[in-house]
Amino acid sequence: MRFPIVNRMSAPTRLAAGVGGAVALAVLVAACASGSSSSAAAPASAAASGASAAAGSGSAAVIKTATSSGQTFLTDGSGRAVYLWVADRGASSACSGACAGSWPPVTTKGSPTASGGAQSGDLGTITRSDGTKQVTYKGHPLYYYAGDSGPGMASGQGSDNFGAKWWLVAPSGSDVTAAVTSFSAAGGSGSAPAPASSSAGGGWS
């Protein structure tokens, strides 16, 4: 097939047209690549900023109560069970490293508050070695159990991980040694009598 228009162009004109077309094609490819790159990077950037915002949006912890099998004990504001560890003594935590991986400390960004049967005057904080504030109740540093799948679970109850017992905590501050594995995350009012502390459990009154 002949291209009469092209054939009528002088050599310099054809050369200029060819170069111009190549430049236009290169600009178009670069623009597409740039658009593709920025659209792919946008979700990652948004996810990163979202994670950063979530990390910085922590608020004061809430400690409330739940009831199961006639026992009343502490949970956090969402209904997750919290525990004491009988190896802790005084205003410090003996749980760090692998221990804190399995039993994460209950931390707060401000002064913790009480709800239900929990007493606000019994709440406090200690500063951990990493600078975070861990919530205490009646002098007990409080912990979650990584094995609990969510609110309403207490599968860490009675565990002796890391050489000492882990117990749910009564509103009185004593350890709850009754068998509790699950409960209503809605929680109770704390009106049930607080269980007696077990001397075998080593809890504080």
C-alpha atoms as a PDB file:
ATOM      1  CA  MET A   1       0.000   0.000   0.000  1.00  0.00           C
ATOM      2  CA  ARG A   2       1.265   3.486  -0.860  1.00  0.00           C
ATOM      3  CA  PHE A   3       1.084   6.511   1.386  1.00  0.00           C
ATOM      4  CA  PRO A   4       0.936   9.383  -1.008  1.00  0.00           C
ATOM      5  CA  ILE A   5       0.823  12.109   1.634  1.00  0.00           C
ATOM      6  CA  VAL A   6       3.920  10.776   3.347  1.00  0.00           C
ATOM      7  CA  ASN A   7       5.691  10.337   0.071  1.00  0.00           C
ATOM      8  CA  ARG A   8       5.032  13.971  -0.829  1.00  0.00           C
ATOM      9  CA  MET A   9       6.737  15.169   2.400  1.00  0.00           C
ATOM     10  CA  SER A  10      10.309  16.245   2.196  1.00  0.00           C
ATOM     11  CA  ALA A  11      12.869  14.143   4.090  1.00  0.00           C
ATOM     12  CA  PRO A  12      13.316  16.725   6.882  1.00  0.00           C
ATOM     13  CA  THR A  13       9.546  16.963   7.353  1.00  0.00           C
ATOM     14  CA  ARG A  14       9.167  13.188   7.568  1.00  0.00           C
ATOM     15  CA  LEU A  15      12.013  13.057  10.078  1.00  0.00           C
ATOM     16  CA  ALA A  16      10.419  15.779  12.245  1.00  0.00           C
ATOM     17  CA  ALA A  17       7.035  14.038  12.144  1.00  0.00           C
ATOM     18  CA  GLY A  18       8.622  10.724  13.153  1.00  0.00           C
ATOM     19  CA  VAL A  19      10.547  12.264  16.056  1.00  0.00           C
ATOM     20  CA  GLY A  20       7.482  14.210  17.211  1.00  0.00           C
ATOM     21  CA  GLY A  21       5.388  11.053  17.199  1.00  0.00           C
ATOM     22  CA  ALA A  22       7.992   9.165  19.206  1.00  0.00           C
ATOM     23  CA  VAL A  23       8.182  11.975  21.762  1.00  0.00           C
ATOM     24  CA  ALA A  24       4.387  12.087  22.079  1.00  0.00           C
ATOM     25  CA  LEU A  25       4.285   8.315  22.543  1.00  0.00           C
ATOM     26  CA  ALA A  26       6.988   8.473  25.257  1.00  0.00           C
ATOM     27  CA  VAL A  27       5.069  11.234  27.104  1.00  0.00           C
ATOM     28  CA  LEU A  28       1.862   9.200  26.910  1.00  0.00           C
ATOM     29  CA  VAL A  29       3.546   6.044  28.269  1.00  0.00           C
ATOM     30  CA  ALA A  30       5.161   7.993  31.112  1.00  0.00           C
ATOM     31  CA  ALA A  31       1.829   9.579  32.036  1.00  0.00           C
ATOM     32  CA  CYS A  32       0.103   6.195  32.125  1.00  0.00           C
ATOM     33  CA  ALA A  33       2.877   4.683  34.224  1.00  0.00           C
ATOM     34  CA  SER A  34       2.746   7.630  36.621  1.00  0.00           C
ATOM     35  CA  GLY A  35      -1.025   7.388  36.933  1.00  0.00           C
ATOM     36  CA  SER A  36      -0.846   3.650  37.545  1.00  0.00           C
ATOM     37  CA  SER A  37       1.904   4.081  40.139  1.00  0.00           C
ATOM     38  CA  SER A  38       0.115   6.816  42.058  1.00  0.00           C
ATOM     39  CA  SER A  39      -3.207   4.939  42.081  1.00  0.00           C
ATOM     40  CA  ALA A  40      -1.504   1.783  43.383  1.00  0.00           C
ATOM     41  CA  ALA A  41       0.383   3.730  46.024  1.00  0.00           C
ATOM     42  CA  ALA A  42      -2.696   5.593  47.249  1.00  0.00           C
ATOM     43  CA  PRO A  43      -4.325   2.662  49.119  1.00  0.00           C
ATOM     44  CA  ALA A  44      -1.021   1.758  50.792  1.00  0.00           C
ATOM     45  CA  SER A  45      -0.494   5.362  51.823  1.00  0.00           C
ATOM     46  CA  ALA A  46      -4.073   5.609  53.113  1.00  0.00           C
ATOM     47  CA  ALA A  47      -3.670   2.360  55.039  1.00  0.00           C
ATOM     48  CA  ALA A  48      -0.444   3.595  56.613  1.00  0.00           C
ATOM     49  CA  SER A  49      -1.984   6.903  57.663  1.00  0.00           C
ATOM     50  CA  GLY A  50      -5.067   5.059  58.955  1.00  0.00           C
ATOM     51  CA  ALA A  51      -2.899   2.774  61.072  1.00  0.00           C
ATOM     52  CA  SER A  52      -0.979   5.765  62.342  1.00  0.00           C
ATOM     53  CA  ALA A  53      -4.210   7.555  63.243  1.00  0.00           C
ATOM     54  CA  ALA A  54      -5.491   4.453  65.041  1.00  0.00           C
ATOM     55  CA  ALA A  55      -2.249   4.156  67.002  1.00  0.00           C
ATOM     56  CA  GLY A  56      -2.446   7.784  68.043  1.00  0.00           C
ATOM     57  CA  SER A  57      -6.131   7.797  68.898  1.00  0.00           C
ATOM     58  CA  GLY A  58      -5.890   5.749  72.100  1.00  0.00           C
ATOM     59  CA  SER A  59      -8.034   6.949  74.963  1.00  0.00           C
ATOM     60  CA  ALA A  60      -8.418   6.315  78.664  1.00  0.00           C
ATOM     61  CA  ALA A  61      -9.132   2.688  79.567  1.00  0.00           C
ATOM     62  CA  VAL A  62     -12.493   1.784  81.078  1.00  0.00           C
ATOM     63  CA  ILE A  63     -12.705  -0.990  83.654  1.00  0.00           C
ATOM     64  CA  LYS A  64     -16.135  -2.440  84.350  1.00  0.00           C
ATOM     65  CA  THR A  65     -17.606  -5.711  85.651  1.00  0.00           C
ATOM     66  CA  ALA A  66     -19.194  -8.885  84.319  1.00  0.00           C
ATOM     67  CA  THR A  67     -20.831 -11.829  86.104  1.00  0.00           C
ATOM     68  CA  SER A  68     -20.692 -15.560  85.443  1.00  0.00           C
ATOM     69  CA  SER A  69     -21.435 -18.596  87.624  1.00  0.00           C
ATOM     70  CA  GLY A  70     -22.265 -16.278  90.522  1.00  0.00           C
ATOM     71  CA  GLN A  71     -18.855 -14.589  90.302  1.00  0.00           C
ATOM     72  CA  THR A  72     -18.355 -10.903  89.534  1.00  0.00           C
ATOM     73  CA  PHE A  73     -15.059  -9.829  87.998  1.00  0.00           C
ATOM     74  CA  LEU A  74     -13.408  -7.044  86.048  1.00  0.00           C
ATOM     75  CA  THR A  75     -13.355  -6.570  82.290  1.00  0.00           C
ATOM     76  CA  ASP A  76     -12.343  -3.712  80.048  1.00  0.00           C
ATOM     77  CA  GLY A  77     -14.881  -1.394  78.438  1.00  0.00           C
ATOM     78  CA  SER A  78     -15.501  -3.774  75.519  1.00  0.00           C
ATOM     79  CA  GLY A  79     -16.066  -6.795  77.770  1.00  0.00           C
ATOM     80  CA  ARG A  80     -12.633  -8.407  77.464  1.00  0.00           C
ATOM     81  CA  ALA A  81     -11.548 -10.268  80.590  1.00  0.00           C
ATOM     82  CA  VAL A  82      -8.633  -8.802  82.543  1.00  0.00           C
ATOM     83  CA  TYR A  83      -6.395 -10.772  84.880  1.00  0.00           C
ATOM     84  CA  LEU A  84      -3.963 -10.362  87.746  1.00  0.00           C
ATOM     85  CA  TRP A  85      -0.742 -12.370  88.063  1.00  0.00           C
ATOM     86  CA  VAL A  86       0.179 -13.575  91.507  1.00  0.00           C
ATOM     87  CA  ALA A  87       3.906 -13.233  90.710  1.00  0.00           C
ATOM     88  CA  ASP A  88       3.530  -9.423  90.725  1.00  0.00           C
ATOM     89  CA  ARG A  89       4.408  -7.709  93.969  1.00  0.00           C
ATOM     90  CA  GLY A  90       4.154  -4.045  94.807  1.00  0.00           C
ATOM     91  CA  ALA A  91       3.645  -1.301  92.257  1.00  0.00           C
ATOM     92  CA  SER A  92       5.480  -3.079  89.426  1.00  0.00           C
ATOM     93  CA  SER A  93       4.947  -5.747  86.801  1.00  0.00           C
ATOM     94  CA  ALA A  94       7.077  -8.888  86.704  1.00  0.00           C
ATOM     95  CA  CYS A  95       5.689  -9.780  83.261  1.00  0.00           C
ATOM     96  CA  SER A  96       7.748  -8.666  80.268  1.00  0.00           C
ATOM     97  CA  GLY A  97       9.206 -10.115  77.075  1.00  0.00           C
ATOM     98  CA  ALA A  98       7.563 -13.423  76.124  1.00  0.00           C
ATOM     99  CA  CYS A  99       5.294 -13.149  79.158  1.00  0.00           C
ATOM    100  CA  ALA A 100       3.907  -9.809  77.970  1.00  0.00           C
ATOM    101  CA  GLY A 101       3.441 -11.346  74.518  1.00  0.00           C
ATOM    102  CA  SER A 102       1.091 -13.965  75.940  1.00  0.00           C
ATOM    103  CA  TRP A 103      -0.364 -11.690  78.631  1.00  0.00           C
ATOM    104  CA  PRO A 104      -0.455  -8.161  77.153  1.00  0.00           C
ATOM    105  CA  PRO A 105      -0.716  -5.426  79.779  1.00  0.00           C
ATOM    106  CA  VAL A 106      -3.910  -3.377  79.919  1.00  0.00           C
ATOM    107  CA  THR A 107      -2.638   0.060  78.941  1.00  0.00           C
ATOM    108  CA  THR A 108      -4.206   3.504  78.924  1.00  0.00           C
ATOM    109  CA  LYS A 109      -3.555   6.893  77.326  1.00  0.00           C
ATOM    110  CA  GLY A 110      -5.097   8.762  80.248  1.00  0.00           C
ATOM    111  CA  SER A 111      -6.534   8.174  83.709  1.00  0.00           C
ATOM    112  CA  PRO A 112      -8.556   4.938  83.666  1.00  0.00           C
ATOM    113  CA  THR A 113     -12.230   5.166  84.566  1.00  0.00           C
ATOM    114  CA  ALA A 114     -14.571   2.726  86.335  1.00  0.00           C
ATOM    115  CA  SER A 115     -18.031   1.493  85.430  1.00  0.00           C
ATOM    116  CA  GLY A 116     -20.460  -1.041  86.861  1.00  0.00           C
ATOM    117  CA  GLY A 117     -19.157  -2.626  90.067  1.00  0.00           C
ATOM    118  CA  ALA A 118     -15.565  -1.449  89.568  1.00  0.00           C
ATOM    119  CA  GLN A 119     -14.417   1.289  91.949  1.00  0.00           C
ATOM    120  CA  SER A 120     -12.720   4.335  90.448  1.00  0.00           C
ATOM    121  CA  GLY A 121     -10.756   4.907  93.662  1.00  0.00           C
ATOM    122  CA  ASP A 122      -9.121   1.496  93.256  1.00  0.00           C
ATOM    123  CA  LEU A 123      -7.808   2.231  89.766  1.00  0.00           C
ATOM    124  CA  GLY A 124      -4.284   3.455  89.150  1.00  0.00           C
ATOM    125  CA  THR A 125      -1.397   3.155  86.712  1.00  0.00           C
ATOM    126  CA  ILE A 126       2.242   2.145  86.689  1.00  0.00           C
ATOM    127  CA  THR A 127       4.845   3.033  84.070  1.00  0.00           C
ATOM    128  CA  ARG A 128       6.327   0.046  82.280  1.00  0.00           C
ATOM    129  CA  SER A 129       9.930  -0.124  81.040  1.00  0.00           C
ATOM    130  CA  ASP A 130       8.802   0.879  77.530  1.00  0.00           C
ATOM    131  CA  GLY A 131       7.109   4.004  78.878  1.00  0.00           C
ATOM    132  CA  THR A 132       3.508   2.819  78.466  1.00  0.00           C
ATOM    133  CA  LYS A 133       1.023   3.239  81.300  1.00  0.00           C
ATOM    134  CA  GLN A 134      -0.380  -0.033  82.622  1.00  0.00           C
ATOM    135  CA  VAL A 135      -3.693  -0.019  84.473  1.00  0.00           C
ATOM    136  CA  THR A 136      -3.741  -1.330  88.050  1.00  0.00           C
ATOM    137  CA  TYR A 137      -6.630  -2.229  90.319  1.00  0.00           C
ATOM    138  CA  LYS A 138      -6.083  -2.350  94.081  1.00  0.00           C
ATOM    139  CA  GLY A 139      -2.362  -2.440  93.284  1.00  0.00           C
ATOM    140  CA  HIS A 140      -2.631  -5.335  90.812  1.00  0.00           C
ATOM    141  CA  PRO A 141      -1.239  -4.665  87.345  1.00  0.00           C
ATOM    142  CA  LEU A 142      -3.946  -5.850  84.918  1.00  0.00           C
ATOM    143  CA  TYR A 143      -3.415  -8.027  81.854  1.00  0.00           C
ATOM    144  CA  TYR A 144      -5.288  -9.495  78.909  1.00  0.00           C
ATOM    145  CA  TYR A 145      -4.763 -13.070  77.751  1.00  0.00           C
ATOM    146  CA  ALA A 146      -3.731 -13.483  74.100  1.00  0.00           C
ATOM    147  CA  GLY A 147      -5.593 -16.800  73.991  1.00  0.00           C
ATOM    148  CA  ASP A 148      -8.974 -15.138  74.566  1.00  0.00           C
ATOM    149  CA  SER A 149     -10.643 -14.811  71.175  1.00  0.00           C
ATOM    150  CA  GLY A 150     -12.505 -11.647  72.176  1.00  0.00           C
ATOM    151  CA  PRO A 151     -15.015 -10.181  74.632  1.00  0.00           C
ATOM    152  CA  GLY A 152     -16.843 -12.721  76.780  1.00  0.00           C
ATOM    153  CA  MET A 153     -13.923 -15.186  76.915  1.00  0.00           C
ATOM    154  CA  ALA A 154     -11.867 -16.099  79.989  1.00  0.00           C
ATOM    155  CA  SER A 155      -9.766 -19.030  78.786  1.00  0.00           C
ATOM    156  CA  GLY A 156      -6.759 -17.724  80.744  1.00  0.00           C
ATOM    157  CA  GLN A 157      -8.508 -18.263  84.077  1.00  0.00           C
ATOM    158  CA  GLY A 158      -6.411 -20.416  86.426  1.00  0.00           C
ATOM    159  CA  SER A 159      -3.475 -20.687  84.021  1.00  0.00           C
ATOM    160  CA  ASP A 160      -0.021 -21.082  85.547  1.00  0.00           C
ATOM    161  CA  ASN A 161       1.911 -19.741  82.540  1.00  0.00           C
ATOM    162  CA  PHE A 162       5.361 -18.402  83.410  1.00  0.00           C
ATOM    163  CA  GLY A 163       5.385 -20.046  86.814  1.00  0.00           C
ATOM    164  CA  ALA A 164       2.476 -18.451  88.675  1.00  0.00           C
ATOM    165  CA  LYS A 165      -1.323 -18.347  88.566  1.00  0.00           C
ATOM    166  CA  TRP A 166      -3.424 -15.938  86.551  1.00  0.00           C
ATOM    167  CA  TRP A 167      -6.848 -15.080  87.941  1.00  0.00           C
ATOM    168  CA  LEU A 168      -9.795 -12.913  87.110  1.00  0.00           C
ATOM    169  CA  VAL A 169     -10.137  -9.969  89.503  1.00  0.00           C
ATOM    170  CA  ALA A 170     -13.105  -9.321  91.810  1.00  0.00           C
ATOM    171  CA  PRO A 171     -14.346  -5.735  92.381  1.00  0.00           C
ATOM    172  CA  SER A 172     -12.894  -6.063  95.894  1.00  0.00           C
ATOM    173  CA  GLY A 173      -9.439  -6.588  94.370  1.00  0.00           C
ATOM    174  CA  SER A 174      -9.208 -10.236  95.386  1.00  0.00           C
ATOM    175  CA  ASP A 175      -8.582 -13.058  92.951  1.00  0.00           C
ATOM    176  CA  VAL A 176     -11.497 -15.027  91.519  1.00  0.00           C
ATOM    177  CA  THR A 177     -10.540 -18.701  91.542  1.00  0.00           C
ATOM    178  CA  ALA A 178     -13.853 -20.184  90.374  1.00  0.00           C
ATOM    179  CA  ALA A 179     -14.001 -21.961  87.018  1.00  0.00           C
ATOM    180  CA  VAL A 180     -15.009 -19.351  84.421  1.00  0.00           C
ATOM    181  CA  THR A 181     -14.385 -19.828  80.718  1.00  0.00           C
ATOM    182  CA  SER A 182     -16.981 -17.529  79.141  1.00  0.00           C
ATOM    183  CA  PHE A 183     -19.491 -14.889  80.145  1.00  0.00           C
ATOM    184  CA  SER A 184     -21.832 -12.283  78.762  1.00  0.00           C
ATOM    185  CA  ALA A 185     -19.734  -9.410  77.442  1.00  0.00           C
ATOM    186  CA  ALA A 186     -22.599  -7.051  78.342  1.00  0.00           C
ATOM    187  CA  GLY A 187     -21.408  -7.434  81.921  1.00  0.00           C
ATOM    188  CA  GLY A 188     -23.144  -7.345  85.257  1.00  0.00           C
ATOM    189  CA  SER A 189     -23.794  -4.579  87.726  1.00  0.00           C
ATOM    190  CA  GLY A 190     -21.378  -5.960  90.265  1.00  0.00           C
ATOM    191  CA  SER A 191     -24.153  -6.461  92.802  1.00  0.00           C
ATOM    192  CA  ALA A 192     -23.237 -10.091  93.410  1.00  0.00           C
ATOM    193  CA  PRO A 193     -21.087 -10.628  96.507  1.00  0.00           C
ATOM    194  CA  ALA A 194     -17.375 -10.571  95.820  1.00  0.00           C
ATOM    195  CA  PRO A 195     -15.769 -14.014  96.092  1.00  0.00           C
ATOM    196  CA  ALA A 196     -13.368 -14.694  98.913  1.00  0.00           C
ATOM    197  CA  SER A 197      -9.703 -14.610  98.005  1.00  0.00           C
ATOM    198  CA  SER A 198      -8.083 -18.007  97.788  1.00  0.00           C
ATOM    199  CA  SER A 199      -4.961 -18.387  99.873  1.00  0.00           C
ATOM    200  CA  ALA A 200      -3.757 -20.966  97.358  1.00  0.00           C
ATOM    201  CA  GLY A 201      -4.125 -18.399  94.607  1.00  0.00           C
ATOM    202  CA  GLY A 202      -1.833 -15.955  96.362  1.00  0.00           C
ATOM    203  CA  GLY A 203      -4.045 -12.972  95.538  1.00  0.00           C
ATOM    204  CA  TRP A 204      -4.070  -9.775  97.582  1.00  0.00           C
ATOM    205  CA  SER A 205      -7.104  -8.529  99.414  1.00  0.00           C
END
